[in-house]
Amino acid sequence: MPRVIVDGIEYAPRADIPPPDNDKIMNALKELVSLYYFGDWHKAQGRVWDAICHISPELAELVYQNPTAAYECLYPRDKREG
């Protein structure tokens, strides 16, 4: 992923993340509910990743490329408590 540095400060890329549609949410819920149904807790990390991919492939790509930027996209610094 390219890096943008202005005056020595690295900036995270902005991502346009479309809102999920019902099919995406349903597929993600299927992944997550199956963890409970089958008791597949050892598979949780992979299933959670699959759920993110179903809901927002664009966000999943950002998580893969830059987890900090993805986190800050969902939890902007100015809205965090503390």
PDB file of N, CA and C in Angstrom:
ATOM      1  N   MET A   1       0.845  -1.170   0.000  1.00  0.00           N
ATOM      2  CA  MET A   1       0.000   0.000   0.000  1.00  0.00           C
ATOM      3  C   MET A   1       0.890   1.233   0.000  1.00  0.00           C
ATOM      4  N   PRO A   2       0.598   2.225  -0.836  1.00  0.00           N
ATOM      5  CA  PRO A   2       1.422   3.434  -0.860  1.00  0.00           C
ATOM      6  C   PRO A   2       1.306   4.212   0.443  1.00  0.00           C
ATOM      7  N   ARG A   3       2.375   4.901   0.786  1.00  0.00           N
ATOM      8  CA  ARG A   3       2.400   5.725   1.997  1.00  0.00           C
ATOM      9  C   ARG A   3       2.364   7.188   1.590  1.00  0.00           C
ATOM     10  N   VAL A   4       1.578   7.971   2.313  1.00  0.00           N
ATOM     11  CA  VAL A   4       1.491   9.405   2.075  1.00  0.00           C
ATOM     12  C   VAL A   4       2.089  10.100   3.284  1.00  0.00           C
ATOM     13  N   ILE A   5       3.149  10.867   3.036  1.00  0.00           N
ATOM     14  CA  ILE A   5       3.819  11.573   4.120  1.00  0.00           C
ATOM     15  C   ILE A   5       3.850  13.058   3.765  1.00  0.00           C
ATOM     16  N   VAL A   6       3.311  13.881   4.658  1.00  0.00           N
ATOM     17  CA  VAL A   6       3.294  15.331   4.473  1.00  0.00           C
ATOM     18  C   VAL A   6       3.948  15.945   5.705  1.00  0.00           C
ATOM     19  N   ASP A   7       5.006  16.707   5.481  1.00  0.00           N
ATOM     20  CA  ASP A   7       5.743  17.328   6.581  1.00  0.00           C
ATOM     21  C   ASP A   7       6.134  16.311   7.655  1.00  0.00           C
ATOM     22  N   GLY A   8       6.514  15.118   7.215  1.00  0.00           N
ATOM     23  CA  GLY A   8       6.977  14.098   8.142  1.00  0.00           C
ATOM     24  C   GLY A   8       5.867  13.335   8.856  1.00  0.00           C
ATOM     25  N   ILE A   9       4.603  13.596   8.530  1.00  0.00           N
ATOM     26  CA  ILE A   9       3.474  12.918   9.175  1.00  0.00           C
ATOM     27  C   ILE A   9       2.849  11.965   8.167  1.00  0.00           C
ATOM     28  N   GLU A  10       2.737  10.697   8.575  1.00  0.00           N
ATOM     29  CA  GLU A  10       2.131   9.707   7.694  1.00  0.00           C
ATOM     30  C   GLU A  10       0.615   9.745   7.855  1.00  0.00           C
ATOM     31  N   TYR A  11      -0.085   9.788   6.724  1.00  0.00           N
ATOM     32  CA  TYR A  11      -1.534   9.840   6.735  1.00  0.00           C
ATOM     33  C   TYR A  11      -2.104   8.512   6.269  1.00  0.00           C
ATOM     34  N   ALA A  12      -3.166   8.053   6.955  1.00  0.00           N
ATOM     35  CA  ALA A  12      -3.841   6.815   6.570  1.00  0.00           C
ATOM     36  C   ALA A  12      -4.793   7.119   5.414  1.00  0.00           C
ATOM     37  N   PRO A  13      -4.894   6.208   4.463  1.00  0.00           N
ATOM     38  CA  PRO A  13      -5.806   6.445   3.341  1.00  0.00           C
ATOM     39  C   PRO A  13      -7.264   6.403   3.802  1.00  0.00           C
ATOM     40  N   ARG A  14      -8.090   7.170   3.135  1.00  0.00           N
ATOM     41  CA  ARG A  14      -9.519   7.122   3.409  1.00  0.00           C
ATOM     42  C   ARG A  14     -10.118   6.030   2.535  1.00  0.00           C
ATOM     43  N   ALA A  15     -11.103   5.368   3.060  1.00  0.00           N
ATOM     44  CA  ALA A  15     -11.765   4.312   2.304  1.00  0.00           C
ATOM     45  C   ALA A  15     -13.249   4.636   2.200  1.00  0.00           C
ATOM     46  N   ASP A  16     -13.796   4.473   1.028  1.00  0.00           N
ATOM     47  CA  ASP A  16     -15.234   4.604   0.858  1.00  0.00           C
ATOM     48  C   ASP A  16     -15.829   3.235   1.103  1.00  0.00           C
ATOM     49  N   ILE A  17     -16.536   3.113   2.209  1.00  0.00           N
ATOM     50  CA  ILE A  17     -17.086   1.823   2.609  1.00  0.00           C
ATOM     51  C   ILE A  17     -18.601   1.896   2.501  1.00  0.00           C
ATOM     52  N   PRO A  18     -19.177   1.183   1.530  1.00  0.00           N
ATOM     53  CA  PRO A  18     -20.630   1.242   1.362  1.00  0.00           C
ATOM     54  C   PRO A  18     -21.344   0.533   2.513  1.00  0.00           C
ATOM     55  N   PRO A  19     -22.569   0.981   2.826  1.00  0.00           N
ATOM     56  CA  PRO A  19     -23.316   0.305   3.884  1.00  0.00           C
ATOM     57  C   PRO A  19     -23.677  -1.118   3.456  1.00  0.00           C
ATOM     58  N   PRO A  20     -23.763  -2.038   4.407  1.00  0.00           N
ATOM     59  CA  PRO A  20     -24.079  -3.424   4.054  1.00  0.00           C
ATOM     60  C   PRO A  20     -25.526  -3.562   3.584  1.00  0.00           C
ATOM     61  N   ASP A  21     -25.746  -4.559   2.736  1.00  0.00           N
ATOM     62  CA  ASP A  21     -27.120  -4.858   2.353  1.00  0.00           C
ATOM     63  C   ASP A  21     -27.586  -6.076   3.149  1.00  0.00           C
ATOM     64  N   ASN A  22     -28.842  -6.417   3.046  1.00  0.00           N
ATOM     65  CA  ASN A  22     -29.401  -7.497   3.867  1.00  0.00           C
ATOM     66  C   ASN A  22     -28.745  -8.846   3.599  1.00  0.00           C
ATOM     67  N   ASP A  23     -28.410  -9.148   2.339  1.00  0.00           N
ATOM     68  CA  ASP A  23     -27.766 -10.425   2.030  1.00  0.00           C
ATOM     69  C   ASP A  23     -26.402 -10.523   2.702  1.00  0.00           C
ATOM     70  N   LYS A  24     -25.655  -9.421   2.690  1.00  0.00           N
ATOM     71  CA  LYS A  24     -24.341  -9.424   3.316  1.00  0.00           C
ATOM     72  C   LYS A  24     -24.467  -9.649   4.812  1.00  0.00           C
ATOM     73  N   ILE A  25     -25.426  -8.979   5.419  1.00  0.00           N
ATOM     74  CA  ILE A  25     -25.625  -9.151   6.864  1.00  0.00           C
ATOM     75  C   ILE A  25     -26.059 -10.580   7.165  1.00  0.00           C
ATOM     76  N   MET A  26     -26.956 -11.133   6.368  1.00  0.00           N
ATOM     77  CA  MET A  26     -27.425 -12.503   6.596  1.00  0.00           C
ATOM     78  C   MET A  26     -26.271 -13.501   6.494  1.00  0.00           C
ATOM     79  N   ASN A  27     -25.404 -13.353   5.503  1.00  0.00           N
ATOM     80  CA  ASN A  27     -24.263 -14.266   5.372  1.00  0.00           C
ATOM     81  C   ASN A  27     -23.314 -14.133   6.556  1.00  0.00           C
ATOM     82  N   ALA A  28     -23.104 -12.918   7.019  1.00  0.00           N
ATOM     83  CA  ALA A  28     -22.243 -12.717   8.180  1.00  0.00           C
ATOM     84  C   ALA A  28     -22.863 -13.346   9.423  1.00  0.00           C
ATOM     85  N   LEU A  29     -24.160 -13.149   9.603  1.00  0.00           N
ATOM     86  CA  LEU A  29     -24.836 -13.746  10.758  1.00  0.00           C
ATOM     87  C   LEU A  29     -24.775 -15.268  10.724  1.00  0.00           C
ATOM     88  N   LYS A  30     -24.883 -15.853   9.538  1.00  0.00           N
ATOM     89  CA  LYS A  30     -24.765 -17.309   9.411  1.00  0.00           C
ATOM     90  C   LYS A  30     -23.399 -17.782   9.912  1.00  0.00           C
ATOM     91  N   GLU A  31     -22.357 -17.060   9.536  1.00  0.00           N
ATOM     92  CA  GLU A  31     -21.011 -17.421   9.998  1.00  0.00           C
ATOM     93  C   GLU A  31     -20.928 -17.366  11.520  1.00  0.00           C
ATOM     94  N   LEU A  32     -21.440 -16.285  12.085  1.00  0.00           N
ATOM     95  CA  LEU A  32     -21.317 -16.084  13.528  1.00  0.00           C
ATOM     96  C   LEU A  32     -22.209 -17.037  14.327  1.00  0.00           C
ATOM     97  N   VAL A  33     -23.445 -17.256  13.871  1.00  0.00           N
ATOM     98  CA  VAL A  33     -24.344 -18.159  14.582  1.00  0.00           C
ATOM     99  C   VAL A  33     -23.826 -19.598  14.522  1.00  0.00           C
ATOM    100  N   SER A  34     -23.202 -19.957  13.404  1.00  0.00           N
ATOM    101  CA  SER A  34     -22.669 -21.329  13.308  1.00  0.00           C
ATOM    102  C   SER A  34     -21.594 -21.594  14.355  1.00  0.00           C
ATOM    103  N   LEU A  35     -20.892 -20.538  14.801  1.00  0.00           N
ATOM    104  CA  LEU A  35     -19.921 -20.728  15.883  1.00  0.00           C
ATOM    105  C   LEU A  35     -20.617 -21.254  17.131  1.00  0.00           C
ATOM    106  N   TYR A  36     -21.770 -20.680  17.459  1.00  0.00           N
ATOM    107  CA  TYR A  36     -22.523 -21.131  18.625  1.00  0.00           C
ATOM    108  C   TYR A  36     -23.118 -22.512  18.398  1.00  0.00           C
ATOM    109  N   TYR A  37     -23.717 -22.713  17.250  1.00  0.00           N
ATOM    110  CA  TYR A  37     -24.408 -23.968  16.972  1.00  0.00           C
ATOM    111  C   TYR A  37     -23.462 -25.163  17.022  1.00  0.00           C
ATOM    112  N   PHE A  38     -22.315 -25.026  16.364  1.00  0.00           N
ATOM    113  CA  PHE A  38     -21.369 -26.134  16.298  1.00  0.00           C
ATOM    114  C   PHE A  38     -20.323 -26.093  17.412  1.00  0.00           C
ATOM    115  N   GLY A  39     -20.281 -25.007  18.186  1.00  0.00           N
ATOM    116  CA  GLY A  39     -19.269 -24.888  19.234  1.00  0.00           C
ATOM    117  C   GLY A  39     -17.863 -24.814  18.657  1.00  0.00           C
ATOM    118  N   ASP A  40     -17.733 -24.213  17.489  1.00  0.00           N
ATOM    119  CA  ASP A  40     -16.447 -24.143  16.793  1.00  0.00           C
ATOM    120  C   ASP A  40     -15.602 -22.960  17.251  1.00  0.00           C
ATOM    121  N   TRP A  41     -15.399 -22.819  18.540  1.00  0.00           N
ATOM    122  CA  TRP A  41     -14.682 -21.655  19.050  1.00  0.00           C
ATOM    123  C   TRP A  41     -13.234 -21.618  18.587  1.00  0.00           C
ATOM    124  N   HIS A  42     -12.677 -22.780  18.290  1.00  0.00           N
ATOM    125  CA  HIS A  42     -11.305 -22.804  17.767  1.00  0.00           C
ATOM    126  C   HIS A  42     -11.236 -22.217  16.354  1.00  0.00           C
ATOM    127  N   LYS A  43     -12.386 -22.061  15.711  1.00  0.00           N
ATOM    128  CA  LYS A  43     -12.438 -21.482  14.370  1.00  0.00           C
ATOM    129  C   LYS A  43     -12.916 -20.034  14.387  1.00  0.00           C
ATOM    130  N   ALA A  44     -13.021 -19.436  15.565  1.00  0.00           N
ATOM    131  CA  ALA A  44     -13.629 -18.112  15.697  1.00  0.00           C
ATOM    132  C   ALA A  44     -12.919 -17.048  14.866  1.00  0.00           C
ATOM    133  N   GLN A  45     -11.614 -17.015  14.899  1.00  0.00           N
ATOM    134  CA  GLN A  45     -10.896 -15.960  14.179  1.00  0.00           C
ATOM    135  C   GLN A  45     -11.218 -16.007  12.686  1.00  0.00           C
ATOM    136  N   GLY A  46     -11.196 -17.178  12.101  1.00  0.00           N
ATOM    137  CA  GLY A  46     -11.505 -17.308  10.681  1.00  0.00           C
ATOM    138  C   GLY A  46     -12.948 -16.960  10.367  1.00  0.00           C
ATOM    139  N   ARG A  47     -13.866 -17.369  11.235  1.00  0.00           N
ATOM    140  CA  ARG A  47     -15.278 -17.080  11.006  1.00  0.00           C
ATOM    141  C   ARG A  47     -15.571 -15.591  11.147  1.00  0.00           C
ATOM    142  N   VAL A  48     -14.936 -14.939  12.125  1.00  0.00           N
ATOM    143  CA  VAL A  48     -15.116 -13.496  12.281  1.00  0.00           C
ATOM    144  C   VAL A  48     -14.575 -12.784  11.042  1.00  0.00           C
ATOM    145  N   TRP A  49     -13.414 -13.225  10.559  1.00  0.00           N
ATOM    146  CA  TRP A  49     -12.861 -12.643   9.335  1.00  0.00           C
ATOM    147  C   TRP A  49     -13.832 -12.821   8.172  1.00  0.00           C
ATOM    148  N   ASP A  50     -14.405 -14.018   8.033  1.00  0.00           N
ATOM    149  CA  ASP A  50     -15.373 -14.262   6.963  1.00  0.00           C
ATOM    150  C   ASP A  50     -16.586 -13.344   7.100  1.00  0.00           C
ATOM    151  N   ALA A  51     -17.036 -13.119   8.334  1.00  0.00           N
ATOM    152  CA  ALA A  51     -18.181 -12.231   8.564  1.00  0.00           C
ATOM    153  C   ALA A  51     -17.853 -10.809   8.113  1.00  0.00           C
ATOM    154  N   ILE A  52     -16.667 -10.317   8.459  1.00  0.00           N
ATOM    155  CA  ILE A  52     -16.258  -8.981   8.020  1.00  0.00           C
ATOM    156  C   ILE A  52     -16.246  -8.927   6.493  1.00  0.00           C
ATOM    157  N   CYS A  53     -15.707  -9.947   5.867  1.00  0.00           N
ATOM    158  CA  CYS A  53     -15.648  -9.986   4.399  1.00  0.00           C
ATOM    159  C   CYS A  53     -17.034  -9.981   3.773  1.00  0.00           C
ATOM    160  N   HIS A  54     -17.976 -10.706   4.378  1.00  0.00           N
ATOM    161  CA  HIS A  54     -19.346 -10.726   3.852  1.00  0.00           C
ATOM    162  C   HIS A  54     -19.999  -9.362   3.968  1.00  0.00           C
ATOM    163  N   ILE A  55     -19.820  -8.707   5.115  1.00  0.00           N
ATOM    164  CA  ILE A  55     -20.486  -7.428   5.354  1.00  0.00           C
ATOM    165  C   ILE A  55     -19.867  -6.323   4.521  1.00  0.00           C
ATOM    166  N   SER A  56     -18.539  -6.272   4.499  1.00  0.00           N
ATOM    167  CA  SER A  56     -17.886  -5.163   3.799  1.00  0.00           C
ATOM    168  C   SER A  56     -16.537  -5.604   3.252  1.00  0.00           C
ATOM    169  N   PRO A  57     -16.506  -6.094   2.020  1.00  0.00           N
ATOM    170  CA  PRO A  57     -15.229  -6.488   1.428  1.00  0.00           C
ATOM    171  C   PRO A  57     -14.223  -5.340   1.396  1.00  0.00           C
ATOM    172  N   GLU A  58     -14.725  -4.122   1.223  1.00  0.00           N
ATOM    173  CA  GLU A  58     -13.832  -2.961   1.195  1.00  0.00           C
ATOM    174  C   GLU A  58     -13.161  -2.760   2.552  1.00  0.00           C
ATOM    175  N   LEU A  59     -13.949  -2.905   3.629  1.00  0.00           N
ATOM    176  CA  LEU A  59     -13.384  -2.785   4.972  1.00  0.00           C
ATOM    177  C   LEU A  59     -12.401  -3.924   5.233  1.00  0.00           C
ATOM    178  N   ALA A  60     -12.733  -5.116   4.794  1.00  0.00           N
ATOM    179  CA  ALA A  60     -11.833  -6.258   4.974  1.00  0.00           C
ATOM    180  C   ALA A  60     -10.491  -6.000   4.289  1.00  0.00           C
ATOM    181  N   GLU A  61     -10.530  -5.418   3.095  1.00  0.00           N
ATOM    182  CA  GLU A  61      -9.283  -5.100   2.398  1.00  0.00           C
ATOM    183  C   GLU A  61      -8.478  -4.071   3.177  1.00  0.00           C
ATOM    184  N   LEU A  62      -9.161  -3.068   3.735  1.00  0.00           N
ATOM    185  CA  LEU A  62      -8.464  -2.070   4.538  1.00  0.00           C
ATOM    186  C   LEU A  62      -7.887  -2.698   5.801  1.00  0.00           C
ATOM    187  N   VAL A  63      -8.635  -3.601   6.447  1.00  0.00           N
ATOM    188  CA  VAL A  63      -8.128  -4.311   7.633  1.00  0.00           C
ATOM    189  C   VAL A  63      -6.862  -5.078   7.265  1.00  0.00           C
ATOM    190  N   TYR A  64      -6.889  -5.744   6.126  1.00  0.00           N
ATOM    191  CA  TYR A  64      -5.740  -6.525   5.674  1.00  0.00           C
ATOM    192  C   TYR A  64      -4.524  -5.625   5.411  1.00  0.00           C
ATOM    193  N   GLN A  65      -4.774  -4.502   4.728  1.00  0.00           N
ATOM    194  CA  GLN A  65      -3.687  -3.606   4.352  1.00  0.00           C
ATOM    195  C   GLN A  65      -3.201  -2.747   5.520  1.00  0.00           C
ATOM    196  N   ASN A  66      -4.157  -2.255   6.334  1.00  0.00           N
ATOM    197  CA  ASN A  66      -3.794  -1.303   7.381  1.00  0.00           C
ATOM    198  C   ASN A  66      -4.822  -1.383   8.507  1.00  0.00           C
ATOM    199  N   PRO A  67      -4.631  -2.304   9.473  1.00  0.00           N
ATOM    200  CA  PRO A  67      -5.599  -2.476  10.554  1.00  0.00           C
ATOM    201  C   PRO A  67      -5.838  -1.198  11.360  1.00  0.00           C
ATOM    202  N   THR A  68      -4.807  -0.387  11.520  1.00  0.00           N
ATOM    203  CA  THR A  68      -4.965   0.863  12.276  1.00  0.00           C
ATOM    204  C   THR A  68      -5.929   1.800  11.559  1.00  0.00           C
ATOM    205  N   ALA A  69      -5.776   1.941  10.255  1.00  0.00           N
ATOM    206  CA  ALA A  69      -6.672   2.809   9.486  1.00  0.00           C
ATOM    207  C   ALA A  69      -8.108   2.288   9.541  1.00  0.00           C
ATOM    208  N   ALA A  70      -8.285   0.970   9.497  1.00  0.00           N
ATOM    209  CA  ALA A  70      -9.631   0.393   9.572  1.00  0.00           C
ATOM    210  C   ALA A  70     -10.251   0.675  10.938  1.00  0.00           C
ATOM    211  N   TYR A  71      -9.469   0.502  11.988  1.00  0.00           N
ATOM    212  CA  TYR A  71      -9.967   0.767  13.336  1.00  0.00           C
ATOM    213  C   TYR A  71     -10.357   2.232  13.467  1.00  0.00           C
ATOM    214  N   GLU A  72      -9.510   3.121  12.982  1.00  0.00           N
ATOM    215  CA  GLU A  72      -9.780   4.550  13.091  1.00  0.00           C
ATOM    216  C   GLU A  72     -10.946   4.977  12.199  1.00  0.00           C
ATOM    217  N   CYS A  73     -11.205   4.229  11.151  1.00  0.00           N
ATOM    218  CA  CYS A  73     -12.368   4.495  10.304  1.00  0.00           C
ATOM    219  C   CYS A  73     -13.655   4.235  11.094  1.00  0.00           C
ATOM    220  N   LEU A  74     -13.656   3.181  11.889  1.00  0.00           N
ATOM    221  CA  LEU A  74     -14.837   2.820  12.671  1.00  0.00           C
ATOM    222  C   LEU A  74     -14.896   3.549  14.009  1.00  0.00           C
ATOM    223  N   TYR A  75     -13.746   3.897  14.556  1.00  0.00           N
ATOM    224  CA  TYR A  75     -13.653   4.576  15.845  1.00  0.00           C
ATOM    225  C   TYR A  75     -12.816   5.836  15.689  1.00  0.00           C
ATOM    226  N   PRO A  76     -13.382   6.884  15.085  1.00  0.00           N
ATOM    227  CA  PRO A  76     -12.602   8.113  14.887  1.00  0.00           C
ATOM    228  C   PRO A  76     -12.082   8.657  16.220  1.00  0.00           C
ATOM    229  N   ARG A  77     -10.885   9.173  16.191  1.00  0.00           N
ATOM    230  CA  ARG A  77     -10.251   9.681  17.421  1.00  0.00           C
ATOM    231  C   ARG A  77     -11.116  10.703  18.132  1.00  0.00           C
ATOM    232  N   ASP A  78     -11.755  11.593  17.373  1.00  0.00           N
ATOM    233  CA  ASP A  78     -12.545  12.643  18.002  1.00  0.00           C
ATOM    234  C   ASP A  78     -13.845  12.154  18.631  1.00  0.00           C
ATOM    235  N   LYS A  79     -14.228  10.896  18.368  1.00  0.00           N
ATOM    236  CA  LYS A  79     -15.460  10.333  18.937  1.00  0.00           C
ATOM    237  C   LYS A  79     -15.169   9.335  20.048  1.00  0.00           C
ATOM    238  N   ARG A  80     -13.912   8.984  20.265  1.00  0.00           N
ATOM    239  CA  ARG A  80     -13.557   8.006  21.302  1.00  0.00           C
ATOM    240  C   ARG A  80     -13.670   8.647  22.674  1.00  0.00           C
ATOM    241  N   GLU A  81     -14.064   7.821  23.626  1.00  0.00           N
ATOM    242  CA  GLU A  81     -14.110   8.294  25.012  1.00  0.00           C
ATOM    243  C   GLU A  81     -12.719   8.275  25.593  1.00  0.00           C
ATOM    244  N   GLY A  82     -12.503   9.141  26.543  1.00  0.00           N
ATOM    245  CA  GLY A  82     -11.229   9.106  27.258  1.00  0.00           C
ATOM    246  C   GLY A  82     -10.321  10.144  26.914  1.00  0.00           C
TER     247      GLY A  82
END
